């Protein structure tokens, strides 16, 4: 029983990896927006039209930080696409259509149990049962297992 529970938790971790990466992308996007808004704010300058030494370093620091955040977000977006492809492939190999539906809505579209149940016309308890069957049939790709082992 414990081995089955551990296996299901591992599968859920695999399926949740998409949402985790998606949150990281959203956070980075918010940070970029905040950085841009801060830089666009009113700056108090001398106003004589002459260049001043401190202005160059402020701008270069801003550009460097912005570039770093954009690169990081692009890496996360790439990982997001990779995770979506792996998860979608694993879910598509589950034989039952209703189980695929529940797994897709739960882990790729981030639907709650109630919304999934309403979409199917089933009770939430029935959706839990279908989810459990789907998890049992789901096979985690070997490449994700290797990535997880390497990260540990």
N, C-alpha and C. Protein backbone atom coordinates (compact mmCIF):
# COMPACT_ATOMS: atom_id res chain seq x y z
N UNK A 1 0.82 -1.19 0.00
CA UNK A 1 0.00 0.00 0.00
C UNK A 1 0.87 1.26 0.00
N UNK A 2 1.91 1.26 0.84
CA UNK A 2 2.79 2.42 0.91
C UNK A 2 3.56 2.61 -0.40
N UNK A 3 3.93 1.51 -1.04
CA UNK A 3 4.65 1.61 -2.32
C UNK A 3 3.73 2.22 -3.38
N UNK A 4 2.48 1.83 -3.38
CA UNK A 4 1.51 2.39 -4.33
C UNK A 4 1.31 3.88 -4.07
N UNK A 5 1.24 4.25 -2.82
CA UNK A 5 1.07 5.66 -2.44
C UNK A 5 2.31 6.47 -2.86
N UNK A 6 3.49 5.92 -2.63
CA UNK A 6 4.73 6.59 -3.03
C UNK A 6 4.79 6.76 -4.55
N UNK A 7 4.39 5.72 -5.25
CA UNK A 7 4.38 5.78 -6.72
C UNK A 7 3.41 6.85 -7.21
N UNK A 8 2.22 6.91 -6.60
CA UNK A 8 1.24 7.93 -6.99
C UNK A 8 1.75 9.34 -6.68
N UNK A 9 2.42 9.51 -5.54
CA UNK A 9 2.98 10.82 -5.21
C UNK A 9 4.07 11.22 -6.20
N UNK A 10 4.86 10.25 -6.63
CA UNK A 10 5.89 10.52 -7.64
C UNK A 10 5.24 10.95 -8.95
N UNK A 11 4.17 10.26 -9.33
CA UNK A 11 3.45 10.60 -10.56
C UNK A 11 2.82 11.99 -10.45
N UNK A 12 2.25 12.30 -9.29
CA UNK A 12 1.68 13.63 -9.09
C UNK A 12 2.76 14.71 -9.17
N UNK A 13 3.91 14.41 -8.63
CA UNK A 13 5.03 15.36 -8.70
C UNK A 13 5.41 15.63 -10.15
N UNK A 14 5.44 14.57 -10.94
CA UNK A 14 5.71 14.71 -12.37
C UNK A 14 4.65 15.59 -13.03
N UNK A 15 3.38 15.30 -12.75
CA UNK A 15 2.29 16.05 -13.37
C UNK A 15 2.25 17.51 -12.88
N UNK A 16 2.61 17.74 -11.62
CA UNK A 16 2.59 19.09 -11.07
C UNK A 16 3.78 19.94 -11.53
N UNK A 17 4.78 19.32 -12.11
CA UNK A 17 5.96 20.07 -12.53
C UNK A 17 5.60 21.16 -13.54
N UNK A 18 4.59 20.91 -14.35
CA UNK A 18 4.15 21.91 -15.34
C UNK A 18 3.64 23.17 -14.64
N UNK A 19 2.79 22.98 -13.63
CA UNK A 19 2.24 24.13 -12.92
C UNK A 19 3.32 24.89 -12.17
N UNK A 20 4.31 24.17 -11.62
CA UNK A 20 5.39 24.82 -10.89
C UNK A 20 6.20 25.72 -11.83
N UNK A 21 6.52 25.20 -13.00
CA UNK A 21 7.28 25.98 -13.97
C UNK A 21 6.44 27.16 -14.47
N UNK A 22 5.15 26.92 -14.67
CA UNK A 22 4.25 27.99 -15.13
C UNK A 22 4.22 29.13 -14.10
N UNK A 23 4.19 28.80 -12.82
CA UNK A 23 4.23 29.83 -11.77
C UNK A 23 5.55 30.59 -11.80
N UNK A 24 6.65 29.88 -12.05
CA UNK A 24 7.95 30.54 -12.14
C UNK A 24 7.97 31.55 -13.29
N UNK A 25 7.41 31.18 -14.42
CA UNK A 25 7.35 32.08 -15.58
C UNK A 25 6.52 33.31 -15.23
N UNK A 26 5.39 33.11 -14.57
CA UNK A 26 4.52 34.23 -14.19
C UNK A 26 5.24 35.16 -13.20
N UNK A 27 5.98 34.59 -12.27
CA UNK A 27 6.72 35.39 -11.30
C UNK A 27 7.79 36.22 -11.99
N UNK A 28 8.52 35.59 -12.90
CA UNK A 28 9.55 36.34 -13.64
C UNK A 28 8.94 37.44 -14.49
N UNK A 29 7.81 37.16 -15.10
CA UNK A 29 7.12 38.17 -15.89
C UNK A 29 6.71 39.36 -15.02
N UNK A 30 6.22 39.07 -13.82
CA UNK A 30 5.85 40.13 -12.89
C UNK A 30 7.08 40.95 -12.47
N UNK A 31 8.20 40.27 -12.24
CA UNK A 31 9.42 40.97 -11.86
C UNK A 31 9.90 41.90 -12.98
N UNK A 32 9.80 41.43 -14.21
CA UNK A 32 10.20 42.25 -15.36
C UNK A 32 9.28 43.47 -15.48
N UNK A 33 8.00 43.25 -15.33
CA UNK A 33 7.04 44.36 -15.40
C UNK A 33 7.31 45.38 -14.30
N UNK A 34 7.58 44.89 -13.10
CA UNK A 34 7.87 45.77 -11.97
C UNK A 34 9.16 46.56 -12.21
N UNK A 35 10.17 45.90 -12.73
CA UNK A 35 11.44 46.57 -13.02
C UNK A 35 11.25 47.65 -14.07
N UNK A 36 10.50 47.34 -15.11
CA UNK A 36 10.23 48.32 -16.16
C UNK A 36 9.42 49.50 -15.62
N UNK A 37 8.43 49.22 -14.80
CA UNK A 37 7.60 50.28 -14.24
C UNK A 37 8.42 51.18 -13.32
N UNK A 38 9.32 50.58 -12.57
CA UNK A 38 10.17 51.36 -11.69
C UNK A 38 11.08 52.28 -12.49
N UNK A 39 11.62 51.78 -13.56
CA UNK A 39 12.53 52.59 -14.38
C UNK A 39 11.77 53.67 -15.14
N UNK A 40 10.51 53.41 -15.46
CA UNK A 40 9.72 54.39 -16.20
C UNK A 40 9.20 55.49 -15.29
N UNK A 41 9.33 55.30 -13.98
CA UNK A 41 8.84 56.29 -13.03
C UNK A 41 9.58 57.61 -13.16
N UNK A 42 9.06 58.58 -12.48
CA UNK A 42 9.65 59.92 -12.54
C UNK A 42 11.02 59.89 -11.89
N UNK A 43 12.01 60.38 -12.62
CA UNK A 43 13.34 60.49 -12.05
C UNK A 43 13.67 61.95 -11.87
N UNK A 44 14.25 62.22 -10.76
CA UNK A 44 14.58 63.60 -10.44
C UNK A 44 16.00 63.88 -10.91
N UNK A 45 16.12 64.63 -11.96
CA UNK A 45 17.44 64.96 -12.48
C UNK A 45 17.71 66.44 -12.28
N UNK A 46 18.91 66.83 -12.59
CA UNK A 46 19.29 68.22 -12.44
C UNK A 46 18.55 69.07 -13.47
N UNK A 47 18.32 68.54 -14.63
CA UNK A 47 17.53 69.23 -15.62
C UNK A 47 18.27 70.28 -16.43
N UNK A 48 19.60 70.19 -16.43
CA UNK A 48 20.35 71.17 -17.22
C UNK A 48 20.68 70.66 -18.62
N UNK A 49 20.23 69.43 -18.93
CA UNK A 49 20.47 68.90 -20.26
C UNK A 49 21.86 68.34 -20.48
N UNK A 50 22.71 68.43 -19.51
CA UNK A 50 24.08 67.95 -19.63
C UNK A 50 24.16 66.51 -19.11
N UNK A 51 25.00 65.70 -19.73
CA UNK A 51 25.16 64.32 -19.23
C UNK A 51 25.88 64.31 -17.88
N UNK A 52 25.49 63.37 -17.06
CA UNK A 52 26.11 63.23 -15.75
C UNK A 52 26.57 61.79 -15.60
N UNK A 53 27.65 61.57 -14.87
CA UNK A 53 28.30 60.26 -14.78
C UNK A 53 27.43 59.18 -14.15
N UNK A 54 26.66 59.53 -13.14
CA UNK A 54 25.90 58.49 -12.44
C UNK A 54 24.74 57.94 -13.27
N UNK A 55 24.26 58.69 -14.23
CA UNK A 55 23.12 58.24 -15.03
C UNK A 55 23.47 57.02 -15.88
N UNK A 56 24.70 56.94 -16.37
CA UNK A 56 25.12 55.81 -17.21
C UNK A 56 25.13 54.51 -16.45
N UNK A 57 25.63 54.52 -15.22
CA UNK A 57 25.70 53.27 -14.47
C UNK A 57 24.31 52.83 -14.04
N UNK A 58 23.44 53.79 -13.72
CA UNK A 58 22.07 53.43 -13.37
C UNK A 58 21.39 52.71 -14.53
N UNK A 59 21.56 53.23 -15.72
CA UNK A 59 20.94 52.64 -16.89
C UNK A 59 21.55 51.28 -17.22
N UNK A 60 22.87 51.17 -17.10
CA UNK A 60 23.50 49.89 -17.42
C UNK A 60 23.13 48.82 -16.39
N UNK A 61 22.98 49.21 -15.12
CA UNK A 61 22.54 48.26 -14.10
C UNK A 61 21.13 47.78 -14.40
N UNK A 62 20.28 48.71 -14.81
CA UNK A 62 18.90 48.38 -15.17
C UNK A 62 18.87 47.42 -16.35
N UNK A 63 19.64 47.72 -17.39
CA UNK A 63 19.66 46.89 -18.59
C UNK A 63 20.21 45.51 -18.27
N UNK A 64 21.25 45.44 -17.44
CA UNK A 64 21.83 44.15 -17.07
C UNK A 64 20.83 43.30 -16.29
N UNK A 65 20.13 43.90 -15.34
CA UNK A 65 19.14 43.16 -14.55
C UNK A 65 17.97 42.71 -15.42
N UNK A 66 17.52 43.62 -16.30
CA UNK A 66 16.42 43.28 -17.21
C UNK A 66 16.82 42.13 -18.13
N UNK A 67 18.02 42.18 -18.66
CA UNK A 67 18.52 41.12 -19.54
C UNK A 67 18.60 39.79 -18.80
N UNK A 68 19.07 39.82 -17.57
CA UNK A 68 19.16 38.60 -16.76
C UNK A 68 17.78 37.98 -16.53
N UNK A 69 16.81 38.83 -16.19
CA UNK A 69 15.45 38.33 -15.95
C UNK A 69 14.82 37.78 -17.23
N UNK A 70 15.05 38.44 -18.35
CA UNK A 70 14.49 37.97 -19.62
C UNK A 70 15.10 36.64 -20.02
N UNK A 71 16.40 36.50 -19.84
CA UNK A 71 17.05 35.20 -20.15
C UNK A 71 16.50 34.09 -19.27
N UNK A 72 16.37 34.40 -17.99
CA UNK A 72 15.85 33.40 -17.06
C UNK A 72 14.42 33.00 -17.43
N UNK A 73 13.60 34.00 -17.80
CA UNK A 73 12.22 33.70 -18.18
C UNK A 73 12.18 32.87 -19.46
N UNK A 74 13.04 33.15 -20.42
CA UNK A 74 13.09 32.36 -21.65
C UNK A 74 13.49 30.92 -21.37
N UNK A 75 14.43 30.71 -20.43
CA UNK A 75 14.80 29.35 -20.04
C UNK A 75 13.62 28.63 -19.40
N UNK A 76 12.91 29.33 -18.53
CA UNK A 76 11.74 28.74 -17.88
C UNK A 76 10.65 28.41 -18.90
N UNK A 77 10.45 29.30 -19.87
CA UNK A 77 9.45 29.03 -20.92
C UNK A 77 9.82 27.80 -21.72
N UNK A 78 11.10 27.63 -22.02
CA UNK A 78 11.56 26.45 -22.74
C UNK A 78 11.27 25.20 -21.91
N UNK A 79 11.57 25.26 -20.61
CA UNK A 79 11.29 24.13 -19.73
C UNK A 79 9.79 23.87 -19.64
N UNK A 80 8.99 24.95 -19.68
CA UNK A 80 7.54 24.81 -19.64
C UNK A 80 7.03 24.03 -20.85
N UNK A 81 7.55 24.36 -22.01
CA UNK A 81 7.15 23.65 -23.24
C UNK A 81 7.58 22.19 -23.16
N UNK A 82 8.82 21.96 -22.71
CA UNK A 82 9.30 20.57 -22.58
C UNK A 82 8.42 19.78 -21.61
N UNK A 83 8.09 20.39 -20.48
CA UNK A 83 7.25 19.70 -19.49
C UNK A 83 5.87 19.42 -20.06
N UNK A 84 5.30 20.39 -20.77
CA UNK A 84 3.97 20.20 -21.36
C UNK A 84 3.98 19.05 -22.35
N UNK A 85 5.02 18.97 -23.16
CA UNK A 85 5.11 17.89 -24.15
C UNK A 85 5.22 16.54 -23.45
N UNK A 86 6.10 16.44 -22.45
CA UNK A 86 6.28 15.17 -21.73
C UNK A 86 4.99 14.75 -21.03
N UNK A 87 4.35 15.68 -20.35
CA UNK A 87 3.13 15.36 -19.60
C UNK A 87 2.00 15.00 -20.55
N UNK A 88 1.87 15.76 -21.62
CA UNK A 88 0.82 15.47 -22.61
C UNK A 88 1.03 14.09 -23.23
N UNK A 89 2.27 13.77 -23.53
CA UNK A 89 2.58 12.45 -24.12
C UNK A 89 2.23 11.34 -23.13
N UNK A 90 2.60 11.53 -21.85
CA UNK A 90 2.32 10.51 -20.84
C UNK A 90 0.81 10.34 -20.64
N UNK A 91 0.08 11.45 -20.60
CA UNK A 91 -1.37 11.38 -20.42
C UNK A 91 -2.03 10.73 -21.63
N UNK A 92 -1.54 11.04 -22.82
CA UNK A 92 -2.16 10.49 -24.04
C UNK A 92 -2.00 8.98 -24.13
N UNK A 93 -1.06 8.42 -23.39
CA UNK A 93 -0.87 6.97 -23.39
C UNK A 93 -1.78 6.25 -22.40
N UNK A 94 -2.51 7.00 -21.58
CA UNK A 94 -3.49 6.39 -20.68
C UNK A 94 -4.65 5.92 -21.57
N UNK A 95 -5.04 4.64 -21.47
CA UNK A 95 -6.00 4.10 -22.42
C UNK A 95 -7.42 4.67 -22.35
N UNK A 96 -7.91 4.98 -21.18
CA UNK A 96 -9.30 5.45 -21.03
C UNK A 96 -9.41 6.94 -21.27
N UNK A 97 -10.35 7.32 -22.14
CA UNK A 97 -10.55 8.73 -22.48
C UNK A 97 -10.95 9.60 -21.31
N UNK A 98 -11.82 9.07 -20.44
CA UNK A 98 -12.29 9.87 -19.31
C UNK A 98 -11.15 10.12 -18.32
N UNK A 99 -10.26 9.16 -18.17
CA UNK A 99 -9.10 9.32 -17.28
C UNK A 99 -8.14 10.35 -17.87
N UNK A 100 -7.96 10.31 -19.18
CA UNK A 100 -7.12 11.32 -19.86
C UNK A 100 -7.72 12.71 -19.65
N UNK A 101 -9.04 12.80 -19.77
CA UNK A 101 -9.74 14.07 -19.59
C UNK A 101 -9.46 14.64 -18.20
N UNK A 102 -9.64 13.82 -17.18
CA UNK A 102 -9.46 14.27 -15.80
C UNK A 102 -8.00 14.69 -15.56
N UNK A 103 -7.05 13.89 -16.01
CA UNK A 103 -5.64 14.21 -15.80
C UNK A 103 -5.24 15.49 -16.54
N UNK A 104 -5.74 15.66 -17.76
CA UNK A 104 -5.42 16.86 -18.53
C UNK A 104 -5.99 18.10 -17.87
N UNK A 105 -7.25 18.04 -17.50
CA UNK A 105 -7.89 19.21 -16.89
C UNK A 105 -7.24 19.55 -15.55
N UNK A 106 -6.89 18.54 -14.78
CA UNK A 106 -6.32 18.77 -13.45
C UNK A 106 -4.90 19.33 -13.52
N UNK A 107 -4.06 18.73 -14.35
CA UNK A 107 -2.64 19.06 -14.28
C UNK A 107 -2.14 20.01 -15.36
N UNK A 108 -2.77 20.03 -16.51
CA UNK A 108 -2.33 20.95 -17.55
C UNK A 108 -3.15 22.24 -17.56
N UNK A 109 -4.45 22.14 -17.24
CA UNK A 109 -5.30 23.32 -17.27
C UNK A 109 -5.60 23.86 -15.88
N UNK A 110 -5.14 23.14 -14.84
CA UNK A 110 -5.26 23.60 -13.46
C UNK A 110 -6.70 23.78 -13.00
N UNK A 111 -7.59 22.91 -13.46
CA UNK A 111 -8.98 22.95 -13.04
C UNK A 111 -9.09 22.32 -11.65
N UNK A 112 -10.05 22.80 -10.88
CA UNK A 112 -10.34 22.21 -9.58
C UNK A 112 -11.22 20.98 -9.74
N UNK A 113 -11.33 20.22 -8.66
CA UNK A 113 -12.13 18.99 -8.70
C UNK A 113 -13.58 19.27 -9.03
N UNK A 114 -14.13 20.31 -8.44
CA UNK A 114 -15.54 20.64 -8.68
C UNK A 114 -15.81 21.00 -10.13
N UNK A 115 -14.91 21.74 -10.72
CA UNK A 115 -15.08 22.14 -12.12
C UNK A 115 -14.99 20.92 -13.05
N UNK A 116 -14.06 20.03 -12.75
CA UNK A 116 -13.94 18.80 -13.56
C UNK A 116 -15.21 17.97 -13.43
N UNK A 117 -15.69 17.83 -12.19
CA UNK A 117 -16.91 17.05 -11.96
C UNK A 117 -18.10 17.65 -12.70
N UNK A 118 -18.21 18.98 -12.65
CA UNK A 118 -19.32 19.64 -13.35
C UNK A 118 -19.20 19.44 -14.86
N UNK A 119 -17.98 19.49 -15.39
CA UNK A 119 -17.77 19.29 -16.82
C UNK A 119 -18.15 17.90 -17.28
N UNK A 120 -17.98 16.94 -16.39
CA UNK A 120 -18.33 15.55 -16.72
C UNK A 120 -19.76 15.19 -16.34
N UNK A 121 -20.34 15.97 -15.45
CA UNK A 121 -21.66 15.61 -14.93
C UNK A 121 -21.58 14.50 -13.90
N UNK A 122 -20.43 14.38 -13.23
CA UNK A 122 -20.21 13.35 -12.20
C UNK A 122 -20.07 14.03 -10.84
N UNK A 123 -20.09 13.22 -9.80
CA UNK A 123 -19.82 13.75 -8.47
C UNK A 123 -18.31 13.92 -8.31
N UNK A 124 -17.92 14.74 -7.37
CA UNK A 124 -16.49 14.95 -7.10
C UNK A 124 -15.85 13.64 -6.66
N UNK A 125 -16.57 12.88 -5.87
CA UNK A 125 -16.04 11.58 -5.42
C UNK A 125 -15.74 10.66 -6.60
N UNK A 126 -16.62 10.66 -7.60
CA UNK A 126 -16.39 9.84 -8.80
C UNK A 126 -15.16 10.33 -9.55
N UNK A 127 -14.96 11.64 -9.57
CA UNK A 127 -13.79 12.21 -10.26
C UNK A 127 -12.52 11.79 -9.53
N UNK A 128 -12.54 11.76 -8.19
CA UNK A 128 -11.38 11.28 -7.43
C UNK A 128 -11.04 9.84 -7.82
N UNK A 129 -12.08 9.03 -7.93
CA UNK A 129 -11.89 7.63 -8.30
C UNK A 129 -11.29 7.50 -9.70
N UNK A 130 -11.84 8.26 -10.64
CA UNK A 130 -11.33 8.24 -12.02
C UNK A 130 -9.89 8.73 -12.04
N UNK A 131 -9.60 9.77 -11.26
CA UNK A 131 -8.24 10.31 -11.16
C UNK A 131 -7.28 9.23 -10.65
N UNK A 132 -7.70 8.51 -9.62
CA UNK A 132 -6.87 7.44 -9.06
C UNK A 132 -6.58 6.35 -10.08
N UNK A 133 -7.61 5.97 -10.84
CA UNK A 133 -7.40 4.96 -11.89
C UNK A 133 -6.44 5.49 -12.95
N UNK A 134 -6.61 6.75 -13.32
CA UNK A 134 -5.73 7.36 -14.32
C UNK A 134 -4.29 7.41 -13.84
N UNK A 135 -4.10 7.77 -12.57
CA UNK A 135 -2.74 7.79 -12.01
C UNK A 135 -2.11 6.41 -12.04
N UNK A 136 -2.92 5.40 -11.71
CA UNK A 136 -2.41 4.02 -11.70
C UNK A 136 -1.92 3.61 -13.09
N UNK A 137 -2.61 4.06 -14.13
CA UNK A 137 -2.26 3.68 -15.50
C UNK A 137 -1.19 4.57 -16.12
N UNK A 138 -0.96 5.73 -15.55
CA UNK A 138 0.02 6.67 -16.09
C UNK A 138 1.44 6.14 -15.93
N UNK A 139 2.23 6.31 -16.96
CA UNK A 139 3.65 5.92 -16.91
C UNK A 139 4.50 7.18 -17.04
N UNK A 140 5.34 7.41 -16.03
CA UNK A 140 6.24 8.57 -16.04
C UNK A 140 7.38 8.28 -17.02
N UNK A 141 7.65 9.20 -17.94
CA UNK A 141 8.72 8.99 -18.91
C UNK A 141 10.09 8.81 -18.23
N UNK A 142 10.89 7.95 -18.81
CA UNK A 142 12.22 7.67 -18.26
C UNK A 142 13.09 8.93 -18.20
N UNK A 143 12.96 9.79 -19.21
CA UNK A 143 13.81 10.99 -19.23
C UNK A 143 13.50 11.91 -18.05
N UNK A 144 12.25 11.95 -17.60
CA UNK A 144 11.92 12.78 -16.44
C UNK A 144 12.46 12.13 -15.18
N UNK A 145 12.41 10.80 -15.11
CA UNK A 145 12.97 10.10 -13.95
C UNK A 145 14.46 10.37 -13.84
N UNK A 146 15.15 10.37 -14.99
CA UNK A 146 16.59 10.65 -14.98
C UNK A 146 16.89 12.07 -14.54
N UNK A 147 16.12 13.02 -15.03
CA UNK A 147 16.30 14.42 -14.62
C UNK A 147 16.10 14.59 -13.13
N UNK A 148 15.11 13.90 -12.59
CA UNK A 148 14.81 13.98 -11.17
C UNK A 148 15.95 13.37 -10.35
N UNK A 149 16.49 12.25 -10.80
CA UNK A 149 17.61 11.62 -10.10
C UNK A 149 18.85 12.49 -10.14
N UNK A 150 19.10 13.14 -11.30
CA UNK A 150 20.27 14.01 -11.43
C UNK A 150 20.15 15.24 -10.54
N UNK A 151 18.94 15.75 -10.39
CA UNK A 151 18.72 16.95 -9.57
C UNK A 151 18.88 16.64 -8.08
N UNK A 152 18.66 15.39 -7.69
CA UNK A 152 18.73 15.01 -6.26
C UNK A 152 20.14 14.97 -5.75
